[in-house]
């Protein structure tokens, strides 16, 4: 995802279980119709397709992630192309809001594209500052997807090129995940890339869904001991309604499993185990 630099909303109550199950059932009926086709979303494409990730396009649940760099988006066209979800850059560090966040957030919502917000971590700013900023700028919308914590090294940033020791990085991540969950009532997703996963996340935080970047090979070949839920398989995707390149992503499972995720906010493969720990309950 993108690094830029280093609208306040009133907190809403988490949705009741029956409401979330009802929304998921409505979405499932539409997904089933899409899944009946043999070729998923043929109107989408890739400007520079890589053979190592060809299997990603066979997954029935497809989505995008976007930021200001995509410019104005025609969300009705994005929806018509079969896009099942969109993650939208919201905040970065403790003082930056993506300049198109509210435009994209509102546009996706009006078009009926399930959407969630992501926060890009800046390692030279305290976790407390970053979560205060996230909560100040991201609506607590009960219909939104779970929030995403985007953890990558900031090596391309002139302001913050350093890498933190693993224990310090993990402490920051755990704090931010806890704050996101307390604010939204939803279990956050961790987005990461190959380098950061190897340095910090390998064999850590198994109770959170993971969204991994792998654009030249399948995730199993790049991420040791990691069960992924979302896969970012290209940064040169093409989707009607978006001008130029856009990140494309795939959900691991079936439309039924996607509906389960929407209803519980948890990876369906982990729901039984996590519910026995008091997580993902009452949803």
C-alpha atoms as a PDB file:
ATOM      1  CA  UNK A   1       0.000   0.000   0.000  1.00  0.00           C
ATOM      2  CA  UNK A   2       1.059   3.617  -0.125  1.00  0.00           C
ATOM      3  CA  UNK A   3       3.076   5.894   2.166  1.00  0.00           C
ATOM      4  CA  UNK A   4       2.351   9.629   1.958  1.00  0.00           C
ATOM      5  CA  UNK A   5       3.597  11.659   4.955  1.00  0.00           C
ATOM      6  CA  UNK A   6       3.887  11.698   8.407  1.00  0.00           C
ATOM      7  CA  UNK A   7     -13.554  15.069  10.289  1.00  0.00           C
ATOM      8  CA  UNK A   8     -14.146  13.803  13.566  1.00  0.00           C
ATOM      9  CA  UNK A   9     -16.963  11.249  13.947  1.00  0.00           C
ATOM     10  CA  UNK A  10     -19.198  10.199  16.773  1.00  0.00           C
ATOM     11  CA  UNK A  11     -18.801   6.630  17.862  1.00  0.00           C
ATOM     12  CA  UNK A  12     -21.705   4.370  16.957  1.00  0.00           C
ATOM     13  CA  UNK A  13     -22.658   1.165  18.774  1.00  0.00           C
ATOM     14  CA  UNK A  14     -21.566  -2.156  17.309  1.00  0.00           C
ATOM     15  CA  UNK A  15     -24.324  -3.804  15.247  1.00  0.00           C
ATOM     16  CA  UNK A  16     -26.509  -6.436  16.823  1.00  0.00           C
ATOM     17  CA  UNK A  17     -25.959 -10.013  15.686  1.00  0.00           C
ATOM     18  CA  UNK A  18     -29.302 -10.293  13.891  1.00  0.00           C
ATOM     19  CA  UNK A  19     -28.570  -7.168  11.850  1.00  0.00           C
ATOM     20  CA  UNK A  20     -25.168  -8.408  10.754  1.00  0.00           C
ATOM     21  CA  UNK A  21     -26.523 -11.839   9.879  1.00  0.00           C
ATOM     22  CA  UNK A  22     -29.292 -10.234   7.842  1.00  0.00           C
ATOM     23  CA  UNK A  23     -26.850  -8.063   5.916  1.00  0.00           C
ATOM     24  CA  UNK A  24     -24.630 -11.064   5.269  1.00  0.00           C
ATOM     25  CA  UNK A  25     -27.578 -13.106   3.997  1.00  0.00           C
ATOM     26  CA  UNK A  26     -28.521 -10.385   1.525  1.00  0.00           C
ATOM     27  CA  UNK A  27     -24.946 -10.162   0.276  1.00  0.00           C
ATOM     28  CA  UNK A  28     -24.690 -13.940   0.006  1.00  0.00           C
ATOM     29  CA  UNK A  29     -27.684 -14.122  -2.331  1.00  0.00           C
ATOM     30  CA  UNK A  30     -25.935 -11.753  -4.724  1.00  0.00           C
ATOM     31  CA  UNK A  31     -22.605 -13.535  -4.407  1.00  0.00           C
ATOM     32  CA  UNK A  32     -24.167 -16.867  -5.208  1.00  0.00           C
ATOM     33  CA  UNK A  33     -25.411 -15.497  -8.501  1.00  0.00           C
ATOM     34  CA  UNK A  34     -21.912 -14.290  -9.376  1.00  0.00           C
ATOM     35  CA  UNK A  35     -20.331 -17.575  -8.332  1.00  0.00           C
ATOM     36  CA  UNK A  36     -22.600 -19.475 -10.705  1.00  0.00           C
ATOM     37  CA  UNK A  37     -20.495 -18.116 -13.570  1.00  0.00           C
ATOM     38  CA  UNK A  38     -17.379 -20.013 -14.649  1.00  0.00           C
ATOM     39  CA  UNK A  39     -15.304 -16.906 -15.353  1.00  0.00           C
ATOM     40  CA  UNK A  40     -15.227 -14.592 -12.364  1.00  0.00           C
ATOM     41  CA  UNK A  41     -15.539 -10.903 -13.232  1.00  0.00           C
ATOM     42  CA  UNK A  42     -14.181 -10.989 -16.812  1.00  0.00           C
ATOM     43  CA  UNK A  43     -14.399  -7.189 -17.109  1.00  0.00           C
ATOM     44  CA  UNK A  44     -11.439  -6.855 -14.750  1.00  0.00           C
ATOM     45  CA  UNK A  45      -7.843  -7.207 -15.865  1.00  0.00           C
ATOM     46  CA  UNK A  46      -4.173  -6.613 -15.172  1.00  0.00           C
ATOM     47  CA  UNK A  47      -1.808  -4.314 -17.062  1.00  0.00           C
ATOM     48  CA  UNK A  48       1.181  -6.531 -16.214  1.00  0.00           C
ATOM     49  CA  UNK A  49      -0.108 -10.003 -15.323  1.00  0.00           C
ATOM     50  CA  UNK A  50       2.371 -12.346 -13.633  1.00  0.00           C
ATOM     51  CA  UNK A  51       1.957 -16.097 -14.234  1.00  0.00           C
ATOM     52  CA  UNK A  52       2.937 -16.836 -10.648  1.00  0.00           C
ATOM     53  CA  UNK A  53      -0.322 -15.380  -9.325  1.00  0.00           C
ATOM     54  CA  UNK A  54      -2.725 -16.563 -12.031  1.00  0.00           C
ATOM     55  CA  UNK A  55      -4.672 -18.698  -9.539  1.00  0.00           C
ATOM     56  CA  UNK A  56      -5.741 -15.609  -7.605  1.00  0.00           C
ATOM     57  CA  UNK A  57      -8.140 -14.641 -10.367  1.00  0.00           C
ATOM     58  CA  UNK A  58     -10.063 -17.896  -9.947  1.00  0.00           C
ATOM     59  CA  UNK A  59     -11.133 -16.991  -6.414  1.00  0.00           C
ATOM     60  CA  UNK A  60     -14.805 -15.945  -6.501  1.00  0.00           C
ATOM     61  CA  UNK A  61     -14.517 -13.075  -3.995  1.00  0.00           C
ATOM     62  CA  UNK A  62     -12.482 -10.224  -5.461  1.00  0.00           C
ATOM     63  CA  UNK A  63     -11.797  -6.723  -4.160  1.00  0.00           C
ATOM     64  CA  UNK A  64      -9.572  -3.673  -4.415  1.00  0.00           C
ATOM     65  CA  UNK A  65      -7.677  -1.337  -2.118  1.00  0.00           C
ATOM     66  CA  UNK A  66      -7.325   2.309  -2.991  1.00  0.00           C
ATOM     67  CA  UNK A  67      -5.978   5.679  -1.891  1.00  0.00           C
ATOM     68  CA  UNK A  68      -5.746   9.188  -3.286  1.00  0.00           C
ATOM     69  CA  UNK A  69      -3.394   7.921  -5.995  1.00  0.00           C
ATOM     70  CA  UNK A  70      -6.304   6.352  -7.892  1.00  0.00           C
ATOM     71  CA  UNK A  71      -7.930   9.772  -8.323  1.00  0.00           C
ATOM     72  CA  UNK A  72     -11.718  10.133  -8.665  1.00  0.00           C
ATOM     73  CA  UNK A  73     -13.476   6.754  -8.733  1.00  0.00           C
ATOM     74  CA  UNK A  74     -16.768   5.818 -10.371  1.00  0.00           C
ATOM     75  CA  UNK A  75     -18.037   3.534  -7.641  1.00  0.00           C
ATOM     76  CA  UNK A  76     -21.130   2.468  -9.560  1.00  0.00           C
ATOM     77  CA  UNK A  77     -18.860   1.058 -12.280  1.00  0.00           C
ATOM     78  CA  UNK A  78     -16.633  -0.583  -9.670  1.00  0.00           C
ATOM     79  CA  UNK A  79     -19.706  -2.259  -8.205  1.00  0.00           C
ATOM     80  CA  UNK A  80     -21.003  -3.327 -11.636  1.00  0.00           C
ATOM     81  CA  UNK A  81     -17.649  -4.962 -12.400  1.00  0.00           C
ATOM     82  CA  UNK A  82     -18.307  -7.476  -9.616  1.00  0.00           C
ATOM     83  CA  UNK A  83     -16.119  -5.969  -6.910  1.00  0.00           C
ATOM     84  CA  UNK A  84     -17.127  -7.516  -3.579  1.00  0.00           C
ATOM     85  CA  UNK A  85     -15.097  -5.292  -1.269  1.00  0.00           C
ATOM     86  CA  UNK A  86     -12.877  -2.224  -1.130  1.00  0.00           C
ATOM     87  CA  UNK A  87     -10.356  -1.193   1.483  1.00  0.00           C
ATOM     88  CA  UNK A  88      -9.790   2.553   1.542  1.00  0.00           C
ATOM     89  CA  UNK A  89      -6.759   4.354   2.918  1.00  0.00           C
ATOM     90  CA  UNK A  90      -7.861   6.509   5.825  1.00  0.00           C
ATOM     91  CA  UNK A  91      -4.952   7.577   7.999  1.00  0.00           C
ATOM     92  CA  UNK A  92      -1.179   7.409   8.272  1.00  0.00           C
ATOM     93  CA  UNK A  93       0.946   8.052  11.322  1.00  0.00           C
ATOM     94  CA  UNK A  94      -0.506  10.617  13.695  1.00  0.00           C
ATOM     95  CA  UNK A  95      -1.203  13.604  11.471  1.00  0.00           C
ATOM     96  CA  UNK A  96      -2.115  12.535   7.934  1.00  0.00           C
ATOM     97  CA  UNK A  97      -5.538  11.757   6.442  1.00  0.00           C
ATOM     98  CA  UNK A  98      -5.758  10.538   2.860  1.00  0.00           C
ATOM     99  CA  UNK A  99      -7.229  13.489   0.992  1.00  0.00           C
ATOM    100  CA  UNK A 100      -9.792  11.326  -0.813  1.00  0.00           C
ATOM    101  CA  UNK A 101     -10.775   9.177   2.157  1.00  0.00           C
ATOM    102  CA  UNK A 102     -14.188  10.681   2.845  1.00  0.00           C
ATOM    103  CA  UNK A 103     -14.994  10.955  -0.860  1.00  0.00           C
ATOM    104  CA  UNK A 104     -14.139   7.275  -1.377  1.00  0.00           C
ATOM    105  CA  UNK A 105     -15.776   6.159   1.865  1.00  0.00           C
ATOM    106  CA  UNK A 106     -19.056   7.857   1.025  1.00  0.00           C
ATOM    107  CA  UNK A 107     -18.936   6.891  -2.662  1.00  0.00           C
ATOM    108  CA  UNK A 108     -18.373   3.203  -1.983  1.00  0.00           C
ATOM    109  CA  UNK A 109     -21.140   3.237   0.605  1.00  0.00           C
ATOM    110  CA  UNK A 110     -23.645   4.826  -1.770  1.00  0.00           C
ATOM    111  CA  UNK A 111     -22.776   2.294  -4.478  1.00  0.00           C
ATOM    112  CA  UNK A 112     -23.244  -0.646  -2.122  1.00  0.00           C
ATOM    113  CA  UNK A 113     -19.618  -1.795  -2.194  1.00  0.00           C
ATOM    114  CA  UNK A 114     -18.689  -3.253   1.223  1.00  0.00           C
ATOM    115  CA  UNK A 115     -15.808  -1.102   2.444  1.00  0.00           C
ATOM    116  CA  UNK A 116     -13.372  -0.803   5.275  1.00  0.00           C
ATOM    117  CA  UNK A 117     -10.663   1.645   6.341  1.00  0.00           C
ATOM    118  CA  UNK A 118      -6.961   1.027   6.725  1.00  0.00           C
ATOM    119  CA  UNK A 119      -4.326   2.795   8.795  1.00  0.00           C
ATOM    120  CA  UNK A 120      -0.724   2.915   7.556  1.00  0.00           C
ATOM    121  CA  UNK A 121       1.673   2.609  10.497  1.00  0.00           C
ATOM    122  CA  UNK A 122       4.499   5.149  10.788  1.00  0.00           C
ATOM    123  CA  UNK A 123       7.190   3.696  13.041  1.00  0.00           C
ATOM    124  CA  UNK A 124       8.518   7.065  14.195  1.00  0.00           C
ATOM    125  CA  UNK A 125       5.216   8.052  15.820  1.00  0.00           C
ATOM    126  CA  UNK A 126       3.830   6.553  19.024  1.00  0.00           C
ATOM    127  CA  UNK A 127       1.112   3.927  18.835  1.00  0.00           C
ATOM    128  CA  UNK A 128      -1.018   6.082  21.147  1.00  0.00           C
ATOM    129  CA  UNK A 129      -0.840   9.086  18.820  1.00  0.00           C
ATOM    130  CA  UNK A 130      -1.639   6.961  15.789  1.00  0.00           C
ATOM    131  CA  UNK A 131      -4.727   5.364  17.269  1.00  0.00           C
ATOM    132  CA  UNK A 132      -6.018   8.670  18.600  1.00  0.00           C
ATOM    133  CA  UNK A 133      -5.697  10.017  15.057  1.00  0.00           C
ATOM    134  CA  UNK A 134      -7.396   6.969  13.536  1.00  0.00           C
ATOM    135  CA  UNK A 135     -10.350   7.254  15.912  1.00  0.00           C
ATOM    136  CA  UNK A 136     -10.628  10.972  15.283  1.00  0.00           C
ATOM    137  CA  UNK A 137     -10.891  10.576  11.514  1.00  0.00           C
ATOM    138  CA  UNK A 138     -12.484   7.194  10.754  1.00  0.00           C
ATOM    139  CA  UNK A 139     -16.252   6.791  11.242  1.00  0.00           C
ATOM    140  CA  UNK A 140     -17.313   3.949  13.498  1.00  0.00           C
ATOM    141  CA  UNK A 141     -19.783   2.604  10.961  1.00  0.00           C
ATOM    142  CA  UNK A 142     -21.497  -0.635  12.036  1.00  0.00           C
ATOM    143  CA  UNK A 143     -21.921  -1.653   8.381  1.00  0.00           C
ATOM    144  CA  UNK A 144     -18.201  -1.310   7.580  1.00  0.00           C
ATOM    145  CA  UNK A 145     -15.749  -4.143   7.148  1.00  0.00           C
ATOM    146  CA  UNK A 146     -13.261  -4.711   9.987  1.00  0.00           C
ATOM    147  CA  UNK A 147     -10.455  -2.137  10.067  1.00  0.00           C
ATOM    148  CA  UNK A 148      -7.002  -2.962   8.735  1.00  0.00           C
ATOM    149  CA  UNK A 149      -3.640  -2.216  10.319  1.00  0.00           C
ATOM    150  CA  UNK A 150      -1.081  -1.858   7.510  1.00  0.00           C
ATOM    151  CA  UNK A 151       2.369  -2.822   8.831  1.00  0.00           C
ATOM    152  CA  UNK A 152       5.390  -2.399   6.558  1.00  0.00           C
ATOM    153  CA  UNK A 153       8.776  -0.843   7.125  1.00  0.00           C
ATOM    154  CA  UNK A 154       9.002   2.833   6.181  1.00  0.00           C
ATOM    155  CA  UNK A 155      12.401   2.441   4.496  1.00  0.00           C
ATOM    156  CA  UNK A 156      11.379   4.592   1.530  1.00  0.00           C
ATOM    157  CA  UNK A 157      10.527   7.466   3.882  1.00  0.00           C
ATOM    158  CA  UNK A 158      13.173  10.148   4.407  1.00  0.00           C
ATOM    159  CA  UNK A 159      11.563  10.896   7.778  1.00  0.00           C
ATOM    160  CA  UNK A 160      11.574   7.370   9.164  1.00  0.00           C
ATOM    161  CA  UNK A 161      13.884   4.859   7.458  1.00  0.00           C
ATOM    162  CA  UNK A 162      14.669   2.856  10.594  1.00  0.00           C
ATOM    163  CA  UNK A 163      13.530  -0.640  11.530  1.00  0.00           C
ATOM    164  CA  UNK A 164      12.440  -1.205  15.114  1.00  0.00           C
ATOM    165  CA  UNK A 165      13.509  -4.223  17.163  1.00  0.00           C
ATOM    166  CA  UNK A 166      10.935  -6.991  16.844  1.00  0.00           C
ATOM    167  CA  UNK A 167       9.687  -6.770  20.478  1.00  0.00           C
ATOM    168  CA  UNK A 168       9.116  -3.023  20.168  1.00  0.00           C
ATOM    169  CA  UNK A 169       7.322  -3.369  16.827  1.00  0.00           C
ATOM    170  CA  UNK A 170       5.097  -6.148  18.180  1.00  0.00           C
ATOM    171  CA  UNK A 171       4.223  -4.106  21.261  1.00  0.00           C
ATOM    172  CA  UNK A 172       3.097  -1.220  19.059  1.00  0.00           C
ATOM    173  CA  UNK A 173       1.109  -3.538  16.802  1.00  0.00           C
ATOM    174  CA  UNK A 174      -0.678  -5.223  19.713  1.00  0.00           C
ATOM    175  CA  UNK A 175      -1.619  -1.878  21.213  1.00  0.00           C
ATOM    176  CA  UNK A 176      -3.016  -0.598  17.922  1.00  0.00           C
ATOM    177  CA  UNK A 177      -4.954  -3.799  17.246  1.00  0.00           C
ATOM    178  CA  UNK A 178      -6.515  -3.613  20.705  1.00  0.00           C
ATOM    179  CA  UNK A 179      -7.473   0.032  20.206  1.00  0.00           C
ATOM    180  CA  UNK A 180      -8.986  -0.618  16.783  1.00  0.00           C
ATOM    181  CA  UNK A 181     -11.059  -3.487  18.141  1.00  0.00           C
ATOM    182  CA  UNK A 182     -12.227  -1.500  21.158  1.00  0.00           C
ATOM    183  CA  UNK A 183     -13.267   1.398  18.916  1.00  0.00           C
ATOM    184  CA  UNK A 184     -15.051  -0.534  16.155  1.00  0.00           C
ATOM    185  CA  UNK A 185     -16.171  -3.689  17.928  1.00  0.00           C
ATOM    186  CA  UNK A 186     -14.604  -5.660  15.065  1.00  0.00           C
ATOM    187  CA  UNK A 187     -11.482  -7.806  15.063  1.00  0.00           C
ATOM    188  CA  UNK A 188      -8.893  -6.011  12.899  1.00  0.00           C
ATOM    189  CA  UNK A 189      -7.063  -7.487   9.936  1.00  0.00           C
ATOM    190  CA  UNK A 190      -3.272  -7.259   9.642  1.00  0.00           C
ATOM    191  CA  UNK A 191      -1.913  -6.279   6.213  1.00  0.00           C
ATOM    192  CA  UNK A 192       1.769  -6.924   5.581  1.00  0.00           C
ATOM    193  CA  UNK A 193       4.447  -7.588   2.994  1.00  0.00           C
ATOM    194  CA  UNK A 194       7.070 -10.321   2.696  1.00  0.00           C
ATOM    195  CA  UNK A 195       9.936  -8.450   4.365  1.00  0.00           C
ATOM    196  CA  UNK A 196       8.018  -7.203   7.389  1.00  0.00           C
ATOM    197  CA  UNK A 197       6.397 -10.590   7.910  1.00  0.00           C
ATOM    198  CA  UNK A 198       9.787 -12.293   7.950  1.00  0.00           C
ATOM    199  CA  UNK A 199      11.309  -9.686  10.276  1.00  0.00           C
ATOM    200  CA  UNK A 200       8.451  -9.341  12.764  1.00  0.00           C
ATOM    201  CA  UNK A 201       5.279 -11.354  12.181  1.00  0.00           C
ATOM    202  CA  UNK A 202       6.423 -14.877  11.383  1.00  0.00           C
ATOM    203  CA  UNK A 203       4.842 -17.234  13.961  1.00  0.00           C
ATOM    204  CA  UNK A 204       3.230 -14.241  15.706  1.00  0.00           C
ATOM    205  CA  UNK A 205      -0.373 -13.031  16.155  1.00  0.00           C
ATOM    206  CA  UNK A 206      -2.150 -16.179  14.908  1.00  0.00           C
ATOM    207  CA  UNK A 207      -5.494 -14.998  16.310  1.00  0.00           C
ATOM    208  CA  UNK A 208      -5.844 -12.210  13.735  1.00  0.00           C
ATOM    209  CA  UNK A 209      -6.806 -12.499  10.067  1.00  0.00           C
ATOM    210  CA  UNK A 210      -3.883 -11.721   7.768  1.00  0.00           C
ATOM    211  CA  UNK A 211      -3.868  -9.967   4.420  1.00  0.00           C
ATOM    212  CA  UNK A 212      -0.624 -10.593   2.555  1.00  0.00           C
ATOM    213  CA  UNK A 213       1.042  -9.034  -0.470  1.00  0.00           C
ATOM    214  CA  UNK A 214       2.511 -11.473  -2.994  1.00  0.00           C
ATOM    215  CA  UNK A 215       2.605 -10.316  -6.607  1.00  0.00           C
ATOM    216  CA  UNK A 216       5.006 -12.842  -8.177  1.00  0.00           C
ATOM    217  CA  UNK A 217       4.149 -16.106  -6.419  1.00  0.00           C
ATOM    218  CA  UNK A 218       1.402 -17.662  -4.345  1.00  0.00           C
ATOM    219  CA  UNK A 219       1.482 -16.660  -0.674  1.00  0.00           C
ATOM    220  CA  UNK A 220       2.345 -20.172   0.484  1.00  0.00           C
ATOM    221  CA  UNK A 221       5.686 -19.795  -1.311  1.00  0.00           C
ATOM    222  CA  UNK A 222       6.547 -16.496   0.373  1.00  0.00           C
ATOM    223  CA  UNK A 223       5.019 -16.544   3.873  1.00  0.00           C
ATOM    224  CA  UNK A 224       6.188 -19.227   6.282  1.00  0.00           C
ATOM    225  CA  UNK A 225       3.567 -20.667   8.637  1.00  0.00           C
ATOM    226  CA  UNK A 226       0.911 -18.117   7.737  1.00  0.00           C
ATOM    227  CA  UNK A 227      -2.717 -18.852   6.990  1.00  0.00           C
ATOM    228  CA  UNK A 228      -3.823 -15.909   4.856  1.00  0.00           C
ATOM    229  CA  UNK A 229      -7.367 -14.629   4.495  1.00  0.00           C
ATOM    230  CA  UNK A 230      -6.846 -11.902   1.869  1.00  0.00           C
ATOM    231  CA  UNK A 231      -4.236 -11.914  -0.893  1.00  0.00           C
ATOM    232  CA  UNK A 232      -3.049  -8.767  -2.669  1.00  0.00           C
ATOM    233  CA  UNK A 233      -1.884 -10.331  -5.917  1.00  0.00           C
ATOM    234  CA  UNK A 234      -1.193  -7.347  -8.180  1.00  0.00           C
ATOM    235  CA  UNK A 235      -0.579  -3.617  -8.038  1.00  0.00           C
ATOM    236  CA  UNK A 236      -1.274  -3.203 -11.758  1.00  0.00           C
ATOM    237  CA  UNK A 237      -4.870  -4.356 -11.810  1.00  0.00           C
ATOM    238  CA  UNK A 238      -7.483  -2.791 -14.037  1.00  0.00           C
ATOM    239  CA  UNK A 239     -11.065  -2.372 -12.849  1.00  0.00           C
ATOM    240  CA  UNK A 240     -13.867  -0.422 -14.548  1.00  0.00           C
ATOM    241  CA  UNK A 241     -14.451   2.814 -12.666  1.00  0.00           C
ATOM    242  CA  UNK A 242     -10.789   3.223 -11.674  1.00  0.00           C
ATOM    243  CA  UNK A 243      -8.395   5.085 -13.940  1.00  0.00           C
ATOM    244  CA  UNK A 244      -5.055   3.355 -14.314  1.00  0.00           C
ATOM    245  CA  UNK A 245      -3.541   0.767 -12.016  1.00  0.00           C
ATOM    246  CA  UNK A 246      -5.184  -0.442  -8.822  1.00  0.00           C
ATOM    247  CA  UNK A 247      -4.325  -3.115  -6.254  1.00  0.00           C
ATOM    248  CA  UNK A 248      -6.458  -6.225  -6.676  1.00  0.00           C
ATOM    249  CA  UNK A 249      -7.138  -8.704  -3.904  1.00  0.00           C
ATOM    250  CA  UNK A 250      -8.726 -12.117  -3.438  1.00  0.00           C
ATOM    251  CA  UNK A 251     -10.479 -13.713  -0.450  1.00  0.00           C
ATOM    252  CA  UNK A 252      -9.316 -17.273   0.189  1.00  0.00           C
ATOM    253  CA  UNK A 253     -12.700 -18.996   0.188  1.00  0.00           C
ATOM    254  CA  UNK A 254     -16.204 -19.459  -1.147  1.00  0.00           C
ATOM    255  CA  UNK A 255     -19.155 -17.059  -1.176  1.00  0.00           C
ATOM    256  CA  UNK A 256     -20.554 -18.941   1.821  1.00  0.00           C
ATOM    257  CA  UNK A 257     -17.312 -18.445   3.737  1.00  0.00           C
ATOM    258  CA  UNK A 258     -17.295 -14.774   2.762  1.00  0.00           C
ATOM    259  CA  UNK A 259     -20.809 -14.391   4.140  1.00  0.00           C
ATOM    260  CA  UNK A 260     -19.625 -16.039   7.363  1.00  0.00           C
ATOM    261  CA  UNK A 261     -16.796 -13.525   7.600  1.00  0.00           C
ATOM    262  CA  UNK A 262     -19.213 -10.641   7.067  1.00  0.00           C
ATOM    263  CA  UNK A 263     -21.468 -11.977   9.820  1.00  0.00           C
ATOM    264  CA  UNK A 264     -18.741 -12.663  12.401  1.00  0.00           C
ATOM    265  CA  UNK A 265     -15.785 -10.401  11.486  1.00  0.00           C
ATOM    266  CA  UNK A 266     -13.541 -13.443  11.900  1.00  0.00           C
ATOM    267  CA  UNK A 267     -11.781 -15.839   9.553  1.00  0.00           C
ATOM    268  CA  UNK A 268     -14.349 -18.658   9.168  1.00  0.00           C
ATOM    269  CA  UNK A 269     -11.609 -21.287   9.521  1.00  0.00           C
ATOM    270  CA  UNK A 270     -10.746 -19.918  12.960  1.00  0.00           C
ATOM    271  CA  UNK A 271     -14.195 -19.062  14.280  1.00  0.00           C
ATOM    272  CA  UNK A 272     -14.698 -22.162  16.428  1.00  0.00           C
ATOM    273  CA  UNK A 273     -11.249 -21.919  18.007  1.00  0.00           C
ATOM    274  CA  UNK A 274     -11.518 -18.196  18.657  1.00  0.00           C
ATOM    275  CA  UNK A 275     -15.053 -18.377  20.012  1.00  0.00           C
ATOM    276  CA  UNK A 276     -13.823 -20.904  22.587  1.00  0.00           C
ATOM    277  CA  UNK A 277     -11.420 -18.180  23.759  1.00  0.00           C
ATOM    278  CA  UNK A 278     -14.223 -15.660  24.141  1.00  0.00           C
ATOM    279  CA  UNK A 279     -13.578 -14.026  20.766  1.00  0.00           C
ATOM    280  CA  UNK A 280     -16.032 -13.718  17.869  1.00  0.00           C
ATOM    281  CA  UNK A 281     -18.920 -14.423  20.220  1.00  0.00           C
ATOM    282  CA  UNK A 282     -22.457 -13.080  20.160  1.00  0.00           C
ATOM    283  CA  UNK A 283     -22.319 -12.147  16.480  1.00  0.00           C
END
